[in-house]
Protein backbone atom coordinates (compact mmCIF):
# COMPACT_ATOMS: atom_id res chain seq x y z
CA UNK A 1 10.02 -2.89 -48.77
CA UNK A 2 7.86 -4.86 -51.15
CA UNK A 3 6.28 -3.40 -54.25
CA UNK A 4 3.51 -4.66 -56.49
CA UNK A 5 3.07 -3.49 -60.06
CA UNK A 6 -0.01 -1.35 -60.65
CA UNK A 7 -2.13 -3.00 -63.32
CA UNK A 8 -2.18 -1.00 -66.55
CA UNK A 9 0.57 1.39 -65.45
CA UNK A 10 4.12 0.23 -66.06
CA UNK A 11 5.75 3.19 -64.27
CA UNK A 12 3.83 2.81 -61.00
CA UNK A 13 4.15 0.36 -58.13
CA UNK A 14 2.29 0.03 -54.83
CA UNK A 15 4.18 -0.14 -51.54
CA UNK A 16 2.64 -3.14 -49.76
CA UNK A 17 3.40 -1.71 -46.30
CA UNK A 18 1.82 1.73 -46.74
CA UNK A 19 -0.40 1.27 -49.79
CA UNK A 20 1.26 4.28 -51.41
CA UNK A 21 1.56 4.47 -55.19
CA UNK A 22 5.13 5.24 -56.27
CA UNK A 23 6.30 6.51 -59.64
CA UNK A 24 9.34 4.45 -60.69
CA UNK A 25 9.81 6.02 -64.14
CA UNK A 26 13.37 7.14 -64.83
CA UNK A 27 13.86 10.85 -64.32
CA UNK A 28 14.62 13.09 -67.27
CA UNK A 29 18.32 13.84 -67.56
CA UNK A 30 19.37 17.25 -66.32
CA UNK A 31 20.68 18.10 -69.76
CA UNK A 32 17.11 17.81 -71.09
CA UNK A 33 15.96 20.33 -68.52
CA UNK A 34 18.78 22.68 -69.53
CA UNK A 35 17.95 22.27 -73.21
CA UNK A 36 14.32 23.06 -72.47
CA UNK A 37 15.29 26.23 -70.58
CA UNK A 38 17.53 27.29 -73.48
CA UNK A 39 14.70 26.74 -75.95
CA UNK A 40 12.39 28.91 -73.81
CA UNK A 41 15.00 31.69 -73.69
CA UNK A 42 15.42 31.55 -77.47
CA UNK A 43 11.66 31.65 -77.94
CA UNK A 44 11.35 34.71 -75.69
CA UNK A 45 14.15 36.42 -77.62
CA UNK A 46 12.35 35.73 -80.89
CA UNK A 47 9.12 37.17 -79.45
CA UNK A 48 10.93 40.37 -78.45
CA UNK A 49 12.55 40.68 -81.87
CA UNK A 50 9.23 40.11 -83.66
CA UNK A 51 7.62 42.77 -81.49
CA UNK A 52 10.38 45.20 -82.41
CA UNK A 53 10.00 44.41 -86.12
CA UNK A 54 6.24 44.93 -85.85
CA UNK A 55 6.74 48.29 -84.16
CA UNK A 56 9.20 49.42 -86.84
CA UNK A 57 6.82 48.35 -89.62
CA UNK A 58 4.00 50.35 -88.04
CA UNK A 59 6.23 53.43 -87.93
CA UNK A 60 7.23 52.89 -91.54
CA UNK A 61 3.60 52.60 -92.67
CA UNK A 62 2.69 55.83 -90.86
CA UNK A 63 5.65 57.59 -92.51
CA UNK A 64 4.53 56.53 -95.99
């Protein structure tokens, strides 16, 4: 197969046989994906904890 660089796009090439544009950028390492998932889990945990704190503060204000 022969590829030609796509002008203005360093991560894309064109297959000369089919005319298809192909992304040749290196893929993100799997560890990055895992780190991203961990960050999302931590963020969701923080949201739950903040919601709980908010609820407790509302109860406290009503009690006072």
